[in-house]
Amino acid sequence: MKGRDLVAWNLRRLRVARELSQDALALEAGVDRTYVGRLERRLENPTIAVLERLASALEVPLVELFIEPLEGSRPPEPLRAGRKVK
């Protein structure tokens, strides 16, 4: 898996694990919700500054966005019931 794919995978994994909607994460990180969605769909290449803000909003070190998933891991599921704000 390459950089953008790792970021997309881990961004969704961490966001869903914390039960944060894209809206809530975007608000906390100071980015647009549609940008978070495009990152998760691998349509954007974020800057380091944006990655730092996302990691901070998720309360994880930046390196967490670059962790290789275990072989055979299933992609993170979306949150149930759409936009859930915690």
PDB file of N, CA and C in Angstrom:
ATOM      1  N   MET A   1       0.850  -1.174   0.000  1.00  0.00           N
ATOM      2  CA  MET A   1       0.000   0.000   0.000  1.00  0.00           C
ATOM      3  C   MET A   1       0.896   1.237   0.000  1.00  0.00           C
ATOM      4  N   LYS A   2       0.491   2.255  -0.746  1.00  0.00           N
ATOM      5  CA  LYS A   2       1.294   3.472  -0.857  1.00  0.00           C
ATOM      6  C   LYS A   2       0.752   4.573   0.041  1.00  0.00           C
ATOM      7  N   GLY A   3       1.473   5.686   0.125  1.00  0.00           N
ATOM      8  CA  GLY A   3       1.173   6.785   1.037  1.00  0.00           C
ATOM      9  C   GLY A   3      -0.266   7.241   1.081  1.00  0.00           C
ATOM     10  N   ARG A   4      -0.823   7.612  -0.078  1.00  0.00           N
ATOM     11  CA  ARG A   4      -2.192   8.128  -0.097  1.00  0.00           C
ATOM     12  C   ARG A   4      -3.175   7.050   0.334  1.00  0.00           C
ATOM     13  N   ASP A   5      -2.913   5.799  -0.069  1.00  0.00           N
ATOM     14  CA  ASP A   5      -3.782   4.695   0.323  1.00  0.00           C
ATOM     15  C   ASP A   5      -3.714   4.436   1.823  1.00  0.00           C
ATOM     16  N   LEU A   6      -2.510   4.522   2.382  1.00  0.00           N
ATOM     17  CA  LEU A   6      -2.347   4.335   3.827  1.00  0.00           C
ATOM     18  C   LEU A   6      -3.081   5.416   4.610  1.00  0.00           C
ATOM     19  N   VAL A   7      -2.936   6.641   4.162  1.00  0.00           N
ATOM     20  CA  VAL A   7      -3.610   7.749   4.847  1.00  0.00           C
ATOM     21  C   VAL A   7      -5.116   7.551   4.793  1.00  0.00           C
ATOM     22  N   ALA A   8      -5.644   7.211   3.630  1.00  0.00           N
ATOM     23  CA  ALA A   8      -7.091   7.009   3.487  1.00  0.00           C
ATOM     24  C   ALA A   8      -7.579   5.890   4.407  1.00  0.00           C
ATOM     25  N   TRP A   9      -6.881   4.772   4.394  1.00  0.00           N
ATOM     26  CA  TRP A   9      -7.234   3.615   5.217  1.00  0.00           C
ATOM     27  C   TRP A   9      -7.242   3.981   6.700  1.00  0.00           C
ATOM     28  N   ASN A  10      -6.141   4.564   7.136  1.00  0.00           N
ATOM     29  CA  ASN A  10      -5.989   4.875   8.560  1.00  0.00           C
ATOM     30  C   ASN A  10      -6.871   6.027   9.014  1.00  0.00           C
ATOM     31  N   LEU A  11      -7.090   6.996   8.155  1.00  0.00           N
ATOM     32  CA  LEU A  11      -7.969   8.102   8.511  1.00  0.00           C
ATOM     33  C   LEU A  11      -9.369   7.581   8.816  1.00  0.00           C
ATOM     34  N   ARG A  12      -9.892   6.734   7.931  1.00  0.00           N
ATOM     35  CA  ARG A  12     -11.224   6.178   8.177  1.00  0.00           C
ATOM     36  C   ARG A  12     -11.199   5.249   9.389  1.00  0.00           C
ATOM     37  N   ARG A  13     -10.164   4.409   9.505  1.00  0.00           N
ATOM     38  CA  ARG A  13     -10.065   3.469  10.632  1.00  0.00           C
ATOM     39  C   ARG A  13     -10.103   4.224  11.965  1.00  0.00           C
ATOM     40  N   LEU A  14      -9.316   5.255  12.080  1.00  0.00           N
ATOM     41  CA  LEU A  14      -9.240   6.016  13.326  1.00  0.00           C
ATOM     42  C   LEU A  14     -10.519   6.807  13.583  1.00  0.00           C
ATOM     43  N   ARG A  15     -11.072   7.394  12.522  1.00  0.00           N
ATOM     44  CA  ARG A  15     -12.295   8.181  12.674  1.00  0.00           C
ATOM     45  C   ARG A  15     -13.460   7.299  13.110  1.00  0.00           C
ATOM     46  N   VAL A  16     -13.611   6.152  12.472  1.00  0.00           N
ATOM     47  CA  VAL A  16     -14.711   5.240  12.809  1.00  0.00           C
ATOM     48  C   VAL A  16     -14.517   4.667  14.211  1.00  0.00           C
ATOM     49  N   ALA A  17     -13.276   4.333  14.564  1.00  0.00           N
ATOM     50  CA  ALA A  17     -13.006   3.789  15.904  1.00  0.00           C
ATOM     51  C   ALA A  17     -13.414   4.773  16.997  1.00  0.00           C
ATOM     52  N   ARG A  18     -13.313   6.059  16.696  1.00  0.00           N
ATOM     53  CA  ARG A  18     -13.691   7.092  17.670  1.00  0.00           C
ATOM     54  C   ARG A  18     -15.138   7.553  17.489  1.00  0.00           C
ATOM     55  N   GLU A  19     -15.827   6.903  16.558  1.00  0.00           N
ATOM     56  CA  GLU A  19     -17.235   7.224  16.262  1.00  0.00           C
ATOM     57  C   GLU A  19     -17.422   8.692  15.919  1.00  0.00           C
ATOM     58  N   LEU A  20     -16.492   9.226  15.126  1.00  0.00           N
ATOM     59  CA  LEU A  20     -16.579  10.609  14.663  1.00  0.00           C
ATOM     60  C   LEU A  20     -17.112  10.628  13.239  1.00  0.00           C
ATOM     61  N   SER A  21     -18.013  11.538  12.977  1.00  0.00           N
ATOM     62  CA  SER A  21     -18.466  11.744  11.605  1.00  0.00           C
ATOM     63  C   SER A  21     -17.377  12.508  10.852  1.00  0.00           C
ATOM     64  N   GLN A  22     -17.481  12.505   9.540  1.00  0.00           N
ATOM     65  CA  GLN A  22     -16.575  13.330   8.752  1.00  0.00           C
ATOM     66  C   GLN A  22     -16.752  14.791   9.121  1.00  0.00           C
ATOM     67  N   ASP A  23     -18.000  15.185   9.379  1.00  0.00           N
ATOM     68  CA  ASP A  23     -18.277  16.576   9.790  1.00  0.00           C
ATOM     69  C   ASP A  23     -17.532  16.942  11.071  1.00  0.00           C
ATOM     70  N   ALA A  24     -17.633  16.069  12.068  1.00  0.00           N
ATOM     71  CA  ALA A  24     -17.008  16.352  13.368  1.00  0.00           C
ATOM     72  C   ALA A  24     -15.487  16.405  13.244  1.00  0.00           C
ATOM     73  N   LEU A  25     -14.919  15.463  12.506  1.00  0.00           N
ATOM     74  CA  LEU A  25     -13.466  15.459  12.321  1.00  0.00           C
ATOM     75  C   LEU A  25     -13.027  16.706  11.567  1.00  0.00           C
ATOM     76  N   ALA A  26     -13.746  17.039  10.510  1.00  0.00           N
ATOM     77  CA  ALA A  26     -13.401  18.215   9.711  1.00  0.00           C
ATOM     78  C   ALA A  26     -13.455  19.485  10.558  1.00  0.00           C
ATOM     79  N   LEU A  27     -14.493  19.620  11.356  1.00  0.00           N
ATOM     80  CA  LEU A  27     -14.637  20.796  12.217  1.00  0.00           C
ATOM     81  C   LEU A  27     -13.471  20.896  13.204  1.00  0.00           C
ATOM     82  N   GLU A  28     -13.135  19.786  13.827  1.00  0.00           N
ATOM     83  CA  GLU A  28     -12.043  19.758  14.808  1.00  0.00           C
ATOM     84  C   GLU A  28     -10.690  20.058  14.159  1.00  0.00           C
ATOM     85  N   ALA A  29     -10.497  19.561  12.922  1.00  0.00           N
ATOM     86  CA  ALA A  29      -9.213  19.745  12.235  1.00  0.00           C
ATOM     87  C   ALA A  29      -9.145  21.049  11.437  1.00  0.00           C
ATOM     88  N   GLY A  30     -10.277  21.731  11.301  1.00  0.00           N
ATOM     89  CA  GLY A  30     -10.286  22.987  10.554  1.00  0.00           C
ATOM     90  C   GLY A  30     -10.193  22.806   9.049  1.00  0.00           C
ATOM     91  N   VAL A  31     -10.806  21.719   8.549  1.00  0.00           N
ATOM     92  CA  VAL A  31     -10.858  21.477   7.101  1.00  0.00           C
ATOM     93  C   VAL A  31     -12.314  21.254   6.703  1.00  0.00           C
ATOM     94  N   ASP A  32     -12.579  21.283   5.419  1.00  0.00           N
ATOM     95  CA  ASP A  32     -13.934  21.067   4.916  1.00  0.00           C
ATOM     96  C   ASP A  32     -14.307  19.589   4.990  1.00  0.00           C
ATOM     97  N   ARG A  33     -15.583  19.293   5.296  1.00  0.00           N
ATOM     98  CA  ARG A  33     -16.031  17.907   5.384  1.00  0.00           C
ATOM     99  C   ARG A  33     -15.841  17.182   4.065  1.00  0.00           C
ATOM    100  N   THR A  34     -16.086  17.869   2.958  1.00  0.00           N
ATOM    101  CA  THR A  34     -15.925  17.200   1.667  1.00  0.00           C
ATOM    102  C   THR A  34     -14.465  16.835   1.421  1.00  0.00           C
ATOM    103  N   TYR A  35     -13.559  17.608   1.985  1.00  0.00           N
ATOM    104  CA  TYR A  35     -12.129  17.295   1.858  1.00  0.00           C
ATOM    105  C   TYR A  35     -11.800  16.011   2.608  1.00  0.00           C
ATOM    106  N   VAL A  36     -12.358  15.847   3.794  1.00  0.00           N
ATOM    107  CA  VAL A  36     -12.156  14.605   4.556  1.00  0.00           C
ATOM    108  C   VAL A  36     -12.686  13.419   3.743  1.00  0.00           C
ATOM    109  N   GLY A  37     -13.849  13.566   3.155  1.00  0.00           N
ATOM    110  CA  GLY A  37     -14.412  12.509   2.323  1.00  0.00           C
ATOM    111  C   GLY A  37     -13.527  12.179   1.132  1.00  0.00           C
ATOM    112  N   ARG A  38     -12.990  13.219   0.493  1.00  0.00           N
ATOM    113  CA  ARG A  38     -12.101  12.994  -0.657  1.00  0.00           C
ATOM    114  C   ARG A  38     -10.798  12.338  -0.221  1.00  0.00           C
ATOM    115  N   LEU A  39     -10.305  12.674   0.968  1.00  0.00           N
ATOM    116  CA  LEU A  39      -9.106  12.007   1.485  1.00  0.00           C
ATOM    117  C   LEU A  39      -9.386  10.519   1.700  1.00  0.00           C
ATOM    118  N   GLU A  40     -10.527  10.211   2.296  1.00  0.00           N
ATOM    119  CA  GLU A  40     -10.868   8.813   2.568  1.00  0.00           C
ATOM    120  C   GLU A  40     -11.107   8.018   1.286  1.00  0.00           C
ATOM    121  N   ARG A  41     -11.469   8.700   0.206  1.00  0.00           N
ATOM    122  CA  ARG A  41     -11.682   8.028  -1.073  1.00  0.00           C
ATOM    123  C   ARG A  41     -10.441   8.084  -1.960  1.00  0.00           C
ATOM    124  N   ARG A  42      -9.332   8.559  -1.409  1.00  0.00           N
ATOM    125  CA  ARG A  42      -8.049   8.630  -2.108  1.00  0.00           C
ATOM    126  C   ARG A  42      -8.056   9.578  -3.303  1.00  0.00           C
ATOM    127  N   LEU A  43      -8.820  10.642  -3.210  1.00  0.00           N
ATOM    128  CA  LEU A  43      -8.909  11.599  -4.307  1.00  0.00           C
ATOM    129  C   LEU A  43      -8.057  12.837  -4.086  1.00  0.00           C
ATOM    130  N   GLU A  44      -7.499  12.987  -2.890  1.00  0.00           N
ATOM    131  CA  GLU A  44      -6.692  14.157  -2.544  1.00  0.00           C
ATOM    132  C   GLU A  44      -5.342  13.723  -1.994  1.00  0.00           C
ATOM    133  N   ASN A  45      -4.361  14.587  -2.165  1.00  0.00           N
ATOM    134  CA  ASN A  45      -3.044  14.418  -1.560  1.00  0.00           C
ATOM    135  C   ASN A  45      -2.879  15.512  -0.514  1.00  0.00           C
ATOM    136  N   PRO A  46      -3.030  15.169   0.764  1.00  0.00           N
ATOM    137  CA  PRO A  46      -2.962  16.197   1.802  1.00  0.00           C
ATOM    138  C   PRO A  46      -1.539  16.674   2.053  1.00  0.00           C
ATOM    139  N   THR A  47      -1.442  17.893   2.535  1.00  0.00           N
ATOM    140  CA  THR A  47      -0.140  18.411   2.953  1.00  0.00           C
ATOM    141  C   THR A  47       0.181  17.865   4.345  1.00  0.00           C
ATOM    142  N   ILE A  48       1.425  17.986   4.738  1.00  0.00           N
ATOM    143  CA  ILE A  48       1.834  17.566   6.081  1.00  0.00           C
ATOM    144  C   ILE A  48       1.080  18.381   7.126  1.00  0.00           C
ATOM    145  N   ALA A  49       0.861  19.659   6.860  1.00  0.00           N
ATOM    146  CA  ALA A  49       0.135  20.507   7.818  1.00  0.00           C
ATOM    147  C   ALA A  49      -1.280  19.981   8.040  1.00  0.00           C
ATOM    148  N   VAL A  50      -1.956  19.575   6.981  1.00  0.00           N
ATOM    149  CA  VAL A  50      -3.312  19.026   7.119  1.00  0.00           C
ATOM    150  C   VAL A  50      -3.265  17.697   7.863  1.00  0.00           C
ATOM    151  N   LEU A  51      -2.296  16.849   7.536  1.00  0.00           N
ATOM    152  CA  LEU A  51      -2.167  15.570   8.237  1.00  0.00           C
ATOM    153  C   LEU A  51      -1.925  15.784   9.724  1.00  0.00           C
ATOM    154  N   GLU A  52      -1.118  16.781  10.072  1.00  0.00           N
ATOM    155  CA  GLU A  52      -0.869  17.081  11.480  1.00  0.00           C
ATOM    156  C   GLU A  52      -2.145  17.525  12.182  1.00  0.00           C
ATOM    157  N   ARG A  53      -2.957  18.340  11.515  1.00  0.00           N
ATOM    158  CA  ARG A  53      -4.218  18.795  12.109  1.00  0.00           C
ATOM    159  C   ARG A  53      -5.197  17.640  12.272  1.00  0.00           C
ATOM    160  N   LEU A  54      -5.252  16.742  11.284  1.00  0.00           N
ATOM    161  CA  LEU A  54      -6.140  15.572  11.382  1.00  0.00           C
ATOM    162  C   LEU A  54      -5.688  14.650  12.518  1.00  0.00           C
ATOM    163  N   ALA A  55      -4.386  14.396  12.595  1.00  0.00           N
ATOM    164  CA  ALA A  55      -3.858  13.537  13.660  1.00  0.00           C
ATOM    165  C   ALA A  55      -4.145  14.161  15.031  1.00  0.00           C
ATOM    166  N   SER A  56      -3.979  15.454  15.133  1.00  0.00           N
ATOM    167  CA  SER A  56      -4.268  16.139  16.391  1.00  0.00           C
ATOM    168  C   SER A  56      -5.750  16.014  16.749  1.00  0.00           C
ATOM    169  N   ALA A  57      -6.616  16.205  15.771  1.00  0.00           N
ATOM    170  CA  ALA A  57      -8.056  16.086  16.009  1.00  0.00           C
ATOM    171  C   ALA A  57      -8.437  14.659  16.412  1.00  0.00           C
ATOM    172  N   LEU A  58      -7.716  13.682  15.884  1.00  0.00           N
ATOM    173  CA  LEU A  58      -7.962  12.275  16.233  1.00  0.00           C
ATOM    174  C   LEU A  58      -7.227  11.854  17.504  1.00  0.00           C
ATOM    175  N   GLU A  59      -6.407  12.766  18.034  1.00  0.00           N
ATOM    176  CA  GLU A  59      -5.630  12.532  19.251  1.00  0.00           C
ATOM    177  C   GLU A  59      -4.689  11.340  19.111  1.00  0.00           C
ATOM    178  N   VAL A  60      -3.966  11.322  17.964  1.00  0.00           N
ATOM    179  CA  VAL A  60      -2.975  10.271  17.706  1.00  0.00           C
ATOM    180  C   VAL A  60      -1.712  10.931  17.164  1.00  0.00           C
ATOM    181  N   PRO A  61      -0.571  10.250  17.295  1.00  0.00           N
ATOM    182  CA  PRO A  61       0.635  10.779  16.658  1.00  0.00           C
ATOM    183  C   PRO A  61       0.502  10.685  15.132  1.00  0.00           C
ATOM    184  N   LEU A  62       1.151  11.569  14.427  1.00  0.00           N
ATOM    185  CA  LEU A  62       1.086  11.613  12.970  1.00  0.00           C
ATOM    186  C   LEU A  62       1.399  10.256  12.333  1.00  0.00           C
ATOM    187  N   VAL A  63       2.322   9.530  12.901  1.00  0.00           N
ATOM    188  CA  VAL A  63       2.735   8.244  12.338  1.00  0.00           C
ATOM    189  C   VAL A  63       1.568   7.245  12.247  1.00  0.00           C
ATOM    190  N   GLU A  64       0.533   7.419  13.071  1.00  0.00           N
ATOM    191  CA  GLU A  64      -0.638   6.526  13.040  1.00  0.00           C
ATOM    192  C   GLU A  64      -1.337   6.555  11.686  1.00  0.00           C
ATOM    193  N   LEU A  65      -1.183   7.638  10.950  1.00  0.00           N
ATOM    194  CA  LEU A  65      -1.816   7.736   9.635  1.00  0.00           C
ATOM    195  C   LEU A  65      -1.055   6.970   8.557  1.00  0.00           C
ATOM    196  N   PHE A  66       0.101   6.403   8.914  1.00  0.00           N
ATOM    197  CA  PHE A  66       0.928   5.697   7.936  1.00  0.00           C
ATOM    198  C   PHE A  66       1.172   4.232   8.296  1.00  0.00           C
ATOM    199  N   ILE A  67       0.403   3.698   9.218  1.00  0.00           N
ATOM    200  CA  ILE A  67       0.577   2.302   9.629  1.00  0.00           C
ATOM    201  C   ILE A  67       0.035   1.366   8.562  1.00  0.00           C
ATOM    202  N   GLU A  68       0.833   0.369   8.200  1.00  0.00           N
ATOM    203  CA  GLU A  68       0.413  -0.645   7.223  1.00  0.00           C
ATOM    204  C   GLU A  68      -0.616  -1.565   7.869  1.00  0.00           C
ATOM    205  N   PRO A  69      -1.762  -1.791   7.209  1.00  0.00           N
ATOM    206  CA  PRO A  69      -2.727  -2.747   7.755  1.00  0.00           C
ATOM    207  C   PRO A  69      -2.172  -4.167   7.645  1.00  0.00           C
ATOM    208  N   LEU A  70      -2.609  -5.032   8.536  1.00  0.00           N
ATOM    209  CA  LEU A  70      -2.189  -6.425   8.472  1.00  0.00           C
ATOM    210  C   LEU A  70      -2.712  -7.056   7.194  1.00  0.00           C
ATOM    211  N   GLU A  71      -1.973  -7.988   6.651  1.00  0.00           N
ATOM    212  CA  GLU A  71      -2.398  -8.662   5.433  1.00  0.00           C
ATOM    213  C   GLU A  71      -3.762  -9.316   5.653  1.00  0.00           C
ATOM    214  N   GLY A  72      -4.657  -9.105   4.732  1.00  0.00           N
ATOM    215  CA  GLY A  72      -5.988  -9.674   4.837  1.00  0.00           C
ATOM    216  C   GLY A  72      -6.969  -8.842   5.637  1.00  0.00           C
ATOM    217  N   SER A  73      -6.519  -7.679   6.145  1.00  0.00           N
ATOM    218  CA  SER A  73      -7.417  -6.810   6.912  1.00  0.00           C
ATOM    219  C   SER A  73      -8.531  -6.291   6.018  1.00  0.00           C
ATOM    220  N   ARG A  74      -9.722  -6.229   6.582  1.00  0.00           N
ATOM    221  CA  ARG A  74     -10.862  -5.683   5.852  1.00  0.00           C
ATOM    222  C   ARG A  74     -10.868  -4.168   5.988  1.00  0.00           C
ATOM    223  N   PRO A  75     -11.322  -3.475   4.960  1.00  0.00           N
ATOM    224  CA  PRO A  75     -11.403  -2.009   5.056  1.00  0.00           C
ATOM    225  C   PRO A  75     -12.331  -1.592   6.189  1.00  0.00           C
ATOM    226  N   PRO A  76     -12.054  -0.469   6.822  1.00  0.00           N
ATOM    227  CA  PRO A  76     -12.924   0.014   7.897  1.00  0.00           C
ATOM    228  C   PRO A  76     -14.338   0.261   7.376  1.00  0.00           C
ATOM    229  N   GLU A  77     -15.315  -0.145   8.143  1.00  0.00           N
ATOM    230  CA  GLU A  77     -16.720   0.047   7.776  1.00  0.00           C
ATOM    231  C   GLU A  77     -17.113   1.497   8.041  1.00  0.00           C
ATOM    232  N   PRO A  78     -18.052   2.036   7.262  1.00  0.00           N
ATOM    233  CA  PRO A  78     -18.555   3.374   7.575  1.00  0.00           C
ATOM    234  C   PRO A  78     -19.366   3.337   8.852  1.00  0.00           C
ATOM    235  N   LEU A  79     -19.559   4.488   9.458  1.00  0.00           N
ATOM    236  CA  LEU A  79     -20.387   4.558  10.662  1.00  0.00           C
ATOM    237  C   LEU A  79     -21.822   4.197  10.311  1.00  0.00           C
ATOM    238  N   ARG A  80     -22.488   3.529  11.223  1.00  0.00           N
ATOM    239  CA  ARG A  80     -23.905   3.218  11.017  1.00  0.00           C
ATOM    240  C   ARG A  80     -24.719   4.497  11.112  1.00  0.00           C
ATOM    241  N   ALA A  81     -25.818   4.535  10.417  1.00  0.00           N
ATOM    242  CA  ALA A  81     -26.780   5.644  10.454  1.00  0.00           C
ATOM    243  C   ALA A  81     -26.202   6.961   9.953  1.00  0.00           C
ATOM    244  N   GLY A  82     -25.242   6.889   9.053  1.00  0.00           N
ATOM    245  CA  GLY A  82     -24.765   8.109   8.404  1.00  0.00           C
ATOM    246  C   GLY A  82     -23.929   8.996   9.299  1.00  0.00           C
ATOM    247  N   ARG A  83     -24.245  10.269   9.303  1.00  0.00           N
ATOM    248  CA  ARG A  83     -23.440  11.264  10.012  1.00  0.00           C
ATOM    249  C   ARG A  83     -23.709  11.239  11.499  1.00  0.00           C
ATOM    250  N   LYS A  84     -22.822  10.579  12.212  1.00  0.00           N
ATOM    251  CA  LYS A  84     -22.965  10.486  13.670  1.00  0.00           C
ATOM    252  C   LYS A  84     -21.967  11.443  14.293  1.00  0.00           C
ATOM    253  N   VAL A  85     -22.432  12.291  15.122  1.00  0.00           N
ATOM    254  CA  VAL A  85     -21.565  13.268  15.807  1.00  0.00           C
ATOM    255  C   VAL A  85     -21.462  12.876  17.263  1.00  0.00           C
ATOM    256  N   LYS A  86     -20.236  12.832  17.738  1.00  0.00           N
ATOM    257  CA  LYS A  86     -19.997  12.479  19.143  1.00  0.00           C
ATOM    258  C   LYS A  86     -19.554  13.690  19.899  1.00  0.00           C
TER     259      LYS A  86
END
